[in-house]
């Protein structure tokens, strides 16, 4: 329930739903962030997928190793590839999430959010293909002798299905961050800064004074008029 509230209130923070740049790091709060929790599940499910296929996905037949997924070696390779790259990407995004809180540049945060959204959506699709591919091949495959490896293959299929939802959820969270964007965070912070308020008031006062001066007489106009009258009196001839 708390995690759901965090997801719904992602805009309570800095730009793109992150914390204030330069704030103190709290390991517990970081570990409980929805993005980190869901990404950790992506990492775990990826380990299960490629671990199950790598450990017991092959059996020897006629001196050759064949995949238990209906002897389709490409199925095992595809499942391993999706799992391994999902494992690596999950770690990379968890590290990126740690650095995200320290990004003072709005553009850097935007690039990270867009990369997260694009890759997560794409990898959810890759796991969808893996689930359909592995499930279809396993349903047509013969049961291995003694059932050795059958449990691992079924686990790989099930966790491929789970991975579709976890990666799709990561894409959704990134999309929600993208919609939040920079928002009014920096604008309101600038406007509410006491130093900036003083500068704005001074600038406004200066602008108003300049506007009023345009409609007032020049400060030297009176002196110039008085000087010209004095000169005219000096040149006037006395009357006898």
C-alpha atoms as a PDB file:
ATOM      1  CA  UNK A   1       0.000   0.000   0.000  1.00  0.00           C
ATOM      2  CA  UNK A   2       2.827   2.386   0.815  1.00  0.00           C
ATOM      3  CA  UNK A   3       4.484   1.616  -2.503  1.00  0.00           C
ATOM      4  CA  UNK A   4       1.227   2.344  -4.329  1.00  0.00           C
ATOM      5  CA  UNK A   5       1.011   5.702  -2.593  1.00  0.00           C
ATOM      6  CA  UNK A   6       4.580   6.465  -3.638  1.00  0.00           C
ATOM      7  CA  UNK A   7       3.745   5.644  -7.247  1.00  0.00           C
ATOM      8  CA  UNK A   8       0.682   7.886  -7.177  1.00  0.00           C
ATOM      9  CA  UNK A   9       2.614  10.733  -5.516  1.00  0.00           C
ATOM     10  CA  UNK A  10       5.727  10.664  -7.653  1.00  0.00           C
ATOM     11  CA  UNK A  11       5.480  14.370  -8.365  1.00  0.00           C
ATOM     12  CA  UNK A  12       6.253  15.205  -4.727  1.00  0.00           C
ATOM     13  CA  UNK A  13       9.922  15.987  -5.195  1.00  0.00           C
ATOM     14  CA  UNK A  14      12.345  17.462  -7.694  1.00  0.00           C
ATOM     15  CA  UNK A  15      12.393  17.438 -11.468  1.00  0.00           C
ATOM     16  CA  UNK A  16      11.035  14.302 -13.170  1.00  0.00           C
ATOM     17  CA  UNK A  17       9.775  12.866  -9.904  1.00  0.00           C
ATOM     18  CA  UNK A  18      13.236  12.589  -8.348  1.00  0.00           C
ATOM     19  CA  UNK A  19      14.508  13.979  -5.088  1.00  0.00           C
ATOM     20  CA  UNK A  20      16.265  17.260  -4.590  1.00  0.00           C
ATOM     21  CA  UNK A  21      19.735  17.239  -6.148  1.00  0.00           C
ATOM     22  CA  UNK A  22      22.466  17.187  -3.524  1.00  0.00           C
ATOM     23  CA  UNK A  23      20.224  15.886  -0.763  1.00  0.00           C
ATOM     24  CA  UNK A  24      21.380  13.417   1.865  1.00  0.00           C
ATOM     25  CA  UNK A  25      21.364   9.762   0.759  1.00  0.00           C
ATOM     26  CA  UNK A  26      19.152   7.417   2.777  1.00  0.00           C
ATOM     27  CA  UNK A  27      19.843   3.742   1.891  1.00  0.00           C
ATOM     28  CA  UNK A  28      16.540   2.525   3.329  1.00  0.00           C
ATOM     29  CA  UNK A  29      14.457   5.091   1.450  1.00  0.00           C
ATOM     30  CA  UNK A  30      16.377   4.329  -1.732  1.00  0.00           C
ATOM     31  CA  UNK A  31      15.795   0.571  -1.368  1.00  0.00           C
ATOM     32  CA  UNK A  32      12.062   1.160  -0.852  1.00  0.00           C
ATOM     33  CA  UNK A  33      11.611   3.323  -3.946  1.00  0.00           C
ATOM     34  CA  UNK A  34       9.140   1.738  -6.391  1.00  0.00           C
ATOM     35  CA  UNK A  35      11.610   1.998  -9.266  1.00  0.00           C
ATOM     36  CA  UNK A  36      14.308   0.193  -7.289  1.00  0.00           C
ATOM     37  CA  UNK A  37      11.973  -2.534  -5.986  1.00  0.00           C
ATOM     38  CA  UNK A  38      10.500  -3.302  -9.412  1.00  0.00           C
ATOM     39  CA  UNK A  39      13.946  -3.199 -11.014  1.00  0.00           C
ATOM     40  CA  UNK A  40      15.243  -5.642  -8.408  1.00  0.00           C
ATOM     41  CA  UNK A  41      12.422  -8.001  -9.371  1.00  0.00           C
ATOM     42  CA  UNK A  42      13.443  -7.636 -13.015  1.00  0.00           C
ATOM     43  CA  UNK A  43      16.983  -8.560 -12.009  1.00  0.00           C
ATOM     44  CA  UNK A  44      15.807 -11.601 -10.020  1.00  0.00           C
ATOM     45  CA  UNK A  45      13.509 -12.881 -12.757  1.00  0.00           C
ATOM     46  CA  UNK A  46      16.278 -12.490 -15.336  1.00  0.00           C
ATOM     47  CA  UNK A  47      18.605 -14.564 -13.159  1.00  0.00           C
ATOM     48  CA  UNK A  48      15.977 -17.306 -12.944  1.00  0.00           C
ATOM     49  CA  UNK A  49      15.349 -17.314 -16.707  1.00  0.00           C
ATOM     50  CA  UNK A  50      18.924 -17.571 -17.934  1.00  0.00           C
ATOM     51  CA  UNK A  51      20.010 -19.651 -14.921  1.00  0.00           C
ATOM     52  CA  UNK A  52      17.395 -22.337 -15.550  1.00  0.00           C
ATOM     53  CA  UNK A  53      18.125 -22.529 -19.262  1.00  0.00           C
ATOM     54  CA  UNK A  54      21.901 -22.481 -18.849  1.00  0.00           C
ATOM     55  CA  UNK A  55      21.989 -25.141 -16.144  1.00  0.00           C
ATOM     56  CA  UNK A  56      19.629 -27.790 -17.537  1.00  0.00           C
ATOM     57  CA  UNK A  57      18.402 -26.470 -20.864  1.00  0.00           C
ATOM     58  CA  UNK A  58      20.504 -28.868 -22.903  1.00  0.00           C
ATOM     59  CA  UNK A  59      20.923 -32.611 -23.027  1.00  0.00           C
ATOM     60  CA  UNK A  60      23.302 -34.738 -25.008  1.00  0.00           C
ATOM     61  CA  UNK A  61      21.874 -36.679 -27.915  1.00  0.00           C
ATOM     62  CA  UNK A  62      23.955 -38.553 -30.479  1.00  0.00           C
ATOM     63  CA  UNK A  63      27.059 -36.789 -29.247  1.00  0.00           C
ATOM     64  CA  UNK A  64      25.502 -33.353 -29.628  1.00  0.00           C
ATOM     65  CA  UNK A  65      23.882 -30.980 -27.186  1.00  0.00           C
ATOM     66  CA  UNK A  66      20.272 -30.283 -28.064  1.00  0.00           C
ATOM     67  CA  UNK A  67      17.883 -27.835 -26.416  1.00  0.00           C
ATOM     68  CA  UNK A  68      15.040 -29.244 -24.365  1.00  0.00           C
ATOM     69  CA  UNK A  69      12.703 -26.791 -26.055  1.00  0.00           C
ATOM     70  CA  UNK A  70      11.770 -29.170 -28.861  1.00  0.00           C
ATOM     71  CA  UNK A  71      15.438 -29.512 -29.835  1.00  0.00           C
ATOM     72  CA  UNK A  72      15.401 -25.917 -30.981  1.00  0.00           C
ATOM     73  CA  UNK A  73      18.776 -24.516 -29.966  1.00  0.00           C
ATOM     74  CA  UNK A  74      17.670 -21.046 -31.053  1.00  0.00           C
ATOM     75  CA  UNK A  75      14.984 -21.112 -28.353  1.00  0.00           C
ATOM     76  CA  UNK A  76      17.584 -21.741 -25.651  1.00  0.00           C
ATOM     77  CA  UNK A  77      19.885 -19.076 -27.094  1.00  0.00           C
ATOM     78  CA  UNK A  78      17.098 -16.525 -27.288  1.00  0.00           C
ATOM     79  CA  UNK A  79      15.959 -17.208 -23.730  1.00  0.00           C
ATOM     80  CA  UNK A  80      19.527 -16.935 -22.450  1.00  0.00           C
ATOM     81  CA  UNK A  81      20.158 -13.718 -24.379  1.00  0.00           C
ATOM     82  CA  UNK A  82      17.029 -12.003 -23.104  1.00  0.00           C
ATOM     83  CA  UNK A  83      17.771 -13.115 -19.545  1.00  0.00           C
ATOM     84  CA  UNK A  84      21.429 -12.064 -19.558  1.00  0.00           C
ATOM     85  CA  UNK A  85      20.832  -8.641 -21.067  1.00  0.00           C
ATOM     86  CA  UNK A  86      17.864  -8.123 -18.759  1.00  0.00           C
ATOM     87  CA  UNK A  87      20.153  -8.960 -15.827  1.00  0.00           C
ATOM     88  CA  UNK A  88      22.797  -6.463 -16.947  1.00  0.00           C
ATOM     89  CA  UNK A  89      20.266  -3.745 -17.760  1.00  0.00           C
ATOM     90  CA  UNK A  90      18.571  -4.125 -14.375  1.00  0.00           C
ATOM     91  CA  UNK A  91      21.856  -3.521 -12.572  1.00  0.00           C
ATOM     92  CA  UNK A  92      22.643  -0.560 -14.826  1.00  0.00           C
ATOM     93  CA  UNK A  93      19.281   1.082 -14.167  1.00  0.00           C
ATOM     94  CA  UNK A  94      19.553   0.542 -10.413  1.00  0.00           C
ATOM     95  CA  UNK A  95      22.910   2.330 -10.499  1.00  0.00           C
ATOM     96  CA  UNK A  96      21.348   4.992 -12.702  1.00  0.00           C
ATOM     97  CA  UNK A  97      18.555   5.397 -10.163  1.00  0.00           C
ATOM     98  CA  UNK A  98      21.171   6.073  -7.497  1.00  0.00           C
ATOM     99  CA  UNK A  99      22.832   8.691  -9.710  1.00  0.00           C
ATOM    100  CA  UNK A 100      19.452  10.132 -10.717  1.00  0.00           C
ATOM    101  CA  UNK A 101      19.056  11.779  -7.320  1.00  0.00           C
ATOM    102  CA  UNK A 102      22.395  13.534  -7.825  1.00  0.00           C
ATOM    103  CA  UNK A 103      21.688  14.902 -11.287  1.00  0.00           C
ATOM    104  CA  UNK A 104      21.347  18.665 -11.006  1.00  0.00           C
ATOM    105  CA  UNK A 105      20.756  19.050 -14.748  1.00  0.00           C
ATOM    106  CA  UNK A 106      17.153  18.726 -15.893  1.00  0.00           C
ATOM    107  CA  UNK A 107      18.352  17.599 -19.331  1.00  0.00           C
ATOM    108  CA  UNK A 108      20.356  14.741 -17.804  1.00  0.00           C
ATOM    109  CA  UNK A 109      17.322  13.569 -15.852  1.00  0.00           C
ATOM    110  CA  UNK A 110      15.189  13.771 -18.971  1.00  0.00           C
ATOM    111  CA  UNK A 111      17.651  11.630 -20.958  1.00  0.00           C
ATOM    112  CA  UNK A 112      17.731   9.012 -18.212  1.00  0.00           C
ATOM    113  CA  UNK A 113      13.939   8.891 -17.972  1.00  0.00           C
ATOM    114  CA  UNK A 114      13.565   8.567 -21.745  1.00  0.00           C
ATOM    115  CA  UNK A 115      16.194   5.814 -21.887  1.00  0.00           C
ATOM    116  CA  UNK A 116      14.463   3.988 -19.032  1.00  0.00           C
ATOM    117  CA  UNK A 117      11.062   4.291 -20.668  1.00  0.00           C
ATOM    118  CA  UNK A 118      12.236   3.184 -24.120  1.00  0.00           C
ATOM    119  CA  UNK A 119      14.407   0.266 -23.020  1.00  0.00           C
ATOM    120  CA  UNK A 120      11.906  -1.040 -20.458  1.00  0.00           C
ATOM    121  CA  UNK A 121       9.072  -1.037 -22.981  1.00  0.00           C
ATOM    122  CA  UNK A 122      11.283  -2.741 -25.561  1.00  0.00           C
ATOM    123  CA  UNK A 123      12.475  -5.392 -23.098  1.00  0.00           C
ATOM    124  CA  UNK A 124       8.925  -6.103 -21.986  1.00  0.00           C
ATOM    125  CA  UNK A 125       8.211  -6.878 -25.642  1.00  0.00           C
ATOM    126  CA  UNK A 126      11.339  -9.063 -25.845  1.00  0.00           C
ATOM    127  CA  UNK A 127      10.152 -11.068 -22.837  1.00  0.00           C
ATOM    128  CA  UNK A 128       6.715 -11.361 -24.410  1.00  0.00           C
ATOM    129  CA  UNK A 129       8.320 -12.897 -27.493  1.00  0.00           C
ATOM    130  CA  UNK A 130      10.440 -15.145 -25.254  1.00  0.00           C
ATOM    131  CA  UNK A 131       7.375 -16.360 -23.372  1.00  0.00           C
ATOM    132  CA  UNK A 132       5.429 -17.174 -26.554  1.00  0.00           C
ATOM    133  CA  UNK A 133       8.478 -18.757 -28.194  1.00  0.00           C
ATOM    134  CA  UNK A 134       9.515 -20.921 -25.252  1.00  0.00           C
ATOM    135  CA  UNK A 135       5.972 -21.930 -24.373  1.00  0.00           C
ATOM    136  CA  UNK A 136       5.142 -22.974 -27.946  1.00  0.00           C
ATOM    137  CA  UNK A 137       8.334 -25.009 -28.275  1.00  0.00           C
ATOM    138  CA  UNK A 138       7.945 -26.633 -24.878  1.00  0.00           C
ATOM    139  CA  UNK A 139       4.352 -27.650 -25.605  1.00  0.00           C
ATOM    140  CA  UNK A 140       5.602 -29.491 -28.698  1.00  0.00           C
ATOM    141  CA  UNK A 141       8.685 -31.020 -27.080  1.00  0.00           C
ATOM    142  CA  UNK A 142       9.063 -34.541 -25.745  1.00  0.00           C
ATOM    143  CA  UNK A 143       9.470 -34.988 -22.027  1.00  0.00           C
ATOM    144  CA  UNK A 144      13.186 -35.468 -21.297  1.00  0.00           C
ATOM    145  CA  UNK A 145      14.299 -38.837 -19.875  1.00  0.00           C
ATOM    146  CA  UNK A 146      13.496 -39.002 -16.183  1.00  0.00           C
ATOM    147  CA  UNK A 147      11.978 -35.521 -16.385  1.00  0.00           C
ATOM    148  CA  UNK A 148      15.454 -34.034 -15.849  1.00  0.00           C
ATOM    149  CA  UNK A 149      15.373 -30.346 -16.669  1.00  0.00           C
ATOM    150  CA  UNK A 150      11.597 -30.177 -17.127  1.00  0.00           C
ATOM    151  CA  UNK A 151      11.097 -28.114 -13.971  1.00  0.00           C
ATOM    152  CA  UNK A 152      13.778 -25.633 -15.014  1.00  0.00           C
ATOM    153  CA  UNK A 153      12.239 -25.152 -18.453  1.00  0.00           C
ATOM    154  CA  UNK A 154       8.820 -24.555 -16.973  1.00  0.00           C
ATOM    155  CA  UNK A 155      10.302 -22.085 -14.493  1.00  0.00           C
ATOM    156  CA  UNK A 156      11.986 -20.210 -17.350  1.00  0.00           C
ATOM    157  CA  UNK A 157       8.637 -19.930 -19.121  1.00  0.00           C
ATOM    158  CA  UNK A 158       6.775 -18.762 -16.001  1.00  0.00           C
ATOM    159  CA  UNK A 159       9.364 -16.154 -15.048  1.00  0.00           C
ATOM    160  CA  UNK A 160       9.458 -14.905 -18.633  1.00  0.00           C
ATOM    161  CA  UNK A 161       5.758 -14.215 -18.185  1.00  0.00           C
ATOM    162  CA  UNK A 162       6.394 -12.433 -14.878  1.00  0.00           C
ATOM    163  CA  UNK A 163       9.134 -10.374 -16.495  1.00  0.00           C
ATOM    164  CA  UNK A 164       6.694  -8.991 -19.052  1.00  0.00           C
ATOM    165  CA  UNK A 165       4.744  -7.282 -16.281  1.00  0.00           C
ATOM    166  CA  UNK A 166       7.748  -6.072 -14.283  1.00  0.00           C
ATOM    167  CA  UNK A 167       9.442  -4.502 -17.285  1.00  0.00           C
ATOM    168  CA  UNK A 168       6.135  -3.023 -18.460  1.00  0.00           C
ATOM    169  CA  UNK A 169       5.661  -1.540 -14.988  1.00  0.00           C
ATOM    170  CA  UNK A 170       9.140  -0.001 -15.165  1.00  0.00           C
ATOM    171  CA  UNK A 171       8.186   1.571 -18.492  1.00  0.00           C
ATOM    172  CA  UNK A 172       4.965   2.895 -16.949  1.00  0.00           C
ATOM    173  CA  UNK A 173       6.824   4.464 -14.008  1.00  0.00           C
ATOM    174  CA  UNK A 174       9.291   6.077 -16.403  1.00  0.00           C
ATOM    175  CA  UNK A 175       6.396   7.357 -18.532  1.00  0.00           C
ATOM    176  CA  UNK A 176       4.778   8.841 -15.430  1.00  0.00           C
ATOM    177  CA  UNK A 177       8.057  10.567 -14.624  1.00  0.00           C
ATOM    178  CA  UNK A 178       8.238  11.857 -18.180  1.00  0.00           C
ATOM    179  CA  UNK A 179       4.760  13.363 -17.893  1.00  0.00           C
ATOM    180  CA  UNK A 180       5.745  15.085 -14.647  1.00  0.00           C
ATOM    181  CA  UNK A 181       8.814  16.555 -16.308  1.00  0.00           C
ATOM    182  CA  UNK A 182      10.474  19.551 -14.739  1.00  0.00           C
ATOM    183  CA  UNK A 183       7.033  20.939 -13.912  1.00  0.00           C
ATOM    184  CA  UNK A 184       6.957  24.151 -11.895  1.00  0.00           C
ATOM    185  CA  UNK A 185       9.586  22.899  -9.467  1.00  0.00           C
ATOM    186  CA  UNK A 186      12.440  25.142 -10.531  1.00  0.00           C
ATOM    187  CA  UNK A 187      10.155  28.027 -11.473  1.00  0.00           C
ATOM    188  CA  UNK A 188       8.480  28.078  -8.065  1.00  0.00           C
ATOM    189  CA  UNK A 189      11.796  27.580  -6.296  1.00  0.00           C
ATOM    190  CA  UNK A 190      13.256  30.565  -8.165  1.00  0.00           C
ATOM    191  CA  UNK A 191      10.263  32.746  -7.474  1.00  0.00           C
ATOM    192  CA  UNK A 192      10.145  31.836  -3.779  1.00  0.00           C
ATOM    193  CA  UNK A 193      13.864  32.347  -3.185  1.00  0.00           C
ATOM    194  CA  UNK A 194      14.164  35.462  -0.932  1.00  0.00           C
ATOM    195  CA  UNK A 195      17.238  36.700  -2.806  1.00  0.00           C
ATOM    196  CA  UNK A 196      15.454  36.411  -6.151  1.00  0.00           C
ATOM    197  CA  UNK A 197      12.361  38.122  -4.731  1.00  0.00           C
ATOM    198  CA  UNK A 198      14.478  41.124  -3.663  1.00  0.00           C
ATOM    199  CA  UNK A 199      16.105  41.304  -7.093  1.00  0.00           C
ATOM    200  CA  UNK A 200      12.761  41.089  -8.835  1.00  0.00           C
ATOM    201  CA  UNK A 201      11.299  43.845  -6.653  1.00  0.00           C
ATOM    202  CA  UNK A 202      14.306  46.067  -7.305  1.00  0.00           C
ATOM    203  CA  UNK A 203      14.046  45.466 -11.026  1.00  0.00           C
ATOM    204  CA  UNK A 204      10.304  46.188 -10.996  1.00  0.00           C
ATOM    205  CA  UNK A 205      10.851  49.417  -9.055  1.00  0.00           C
ATOM    206  CA  UNK A 206      13.594  50.490 -11.441  1.00  0.00           C
ATOM    207  CA  UNK A 207      11.387  49.788 -14.453  1.00  0.00           C
ATOM    208  CA  UNK A 208       8.507  51.808 -12.995  1.00  0.00           C
ATOM    209  CA  UNK A 209      10.809  54.749 -12.238  1.00  0.00           C
ATOM    210  CA  UNK A 210      12.083  54.739 -15.799  1.00  0.00           C
ATOM    211  CA  UNK A 211       8.556  54.673 -17.142  1.00  0.00           C
ATOM    212  CA  UNK A 212       7.594  57.666 -14.996  1.00  0.00           C
ATOM    213  CA  UNK A 213      10.687  59.621 -16.063  1.00  0.00           C
ATOM    214  CA  UNK A 214       9.600  59.377 -19.682  1.00  0.00           C
ATOM    215  CA  UNK A 215       6.587  61.578 -18.889  1.00  0.00           C
ATOM    216  CA  UNK A 216       8.357  64.051 -16.539  1.00  0.00           C
ATOM    217  CA  UNK A 217      10.431  67.060 -17.434  1.00  0.00           C
ATOM    218  CA  UNK A 218      14.159  66.740 -17.864  1.00  0.00           C
ATOM    219  CA  UNK A 219      16.086  67.722 -14.716  1.00  0.00           C
ATOM    220  CA  UNK A 220      18.231  70.112 -16.747  1.00  0.00           C
ATOM    221  CA  UNK A 221      15.380  71.797 -18.632  1.00  0.00           C
ATOM    222  CA  UNK A 222      14.770  74.382 -15.891  1.00  0.00           C
ATOM    223  CA  UNK A 223      18.444  75.299 -15.657  1.00  0.00           C
ATOM    224  CA  UNK A 224      18.737  75.635 -19.412  1.00  0.00           C
ATOM    225  CA  UNK A 225      15.666  77.913 -19.579  1.00  0.00           C
ATOM    226  CA  UNK A 226      16.940  80.089 -16.736  1.00  0.00           C
ATOM    227  CA  UNK A 227      20.333  80.443 -18.370  1.00  0.00           C
ATOM    228  CA  UNK A 228      18.885  81.535 -21.687  1.00  0.00           C
ATOM    229  CA  UNK A 229      16.722  84.225 -19.998  1.00  0.00           C
ATOM    230  CA  UNK A 230      19.767  85.562 -18.131  1.00  0.00           C
ATOM    231  CA  UNK A 231      21.745  85.825 -21.355  1.00  0.00           C
ATOM    232  CA  UNK A 232      18.912  87.724 -23.038  1.00  0.00           C
ATOM    233  CA  UNK A 233      18.818  90.253 -20.198  1.00  0.00           C
ATOM    234  CA  UNK A 234      22.550  90.870 -20.451  1.00  0.00           C
ATOM    235  CA  UNK A 235      22.294  91.718 -24.121  1.00  0.00           C
ATOM    236  CA  UNK A 236      19.351  94.079 -23.732  1.00  0.00           C
ATOM    237  CA  UNK A 237      20.303  97.758 -24.146  1.00  0.00           C
ATOM    238  CA  UNK A 238      19.430 100.076 -21.255  1.00  0.00           C
ATOM    239  CA  UNK A 239      16.630 102.552 -21.879  1.00  0.00           C
ATOM    240  CA  UNK A 240      17.242 106.242 -21.116  1.00  0.00           C
END
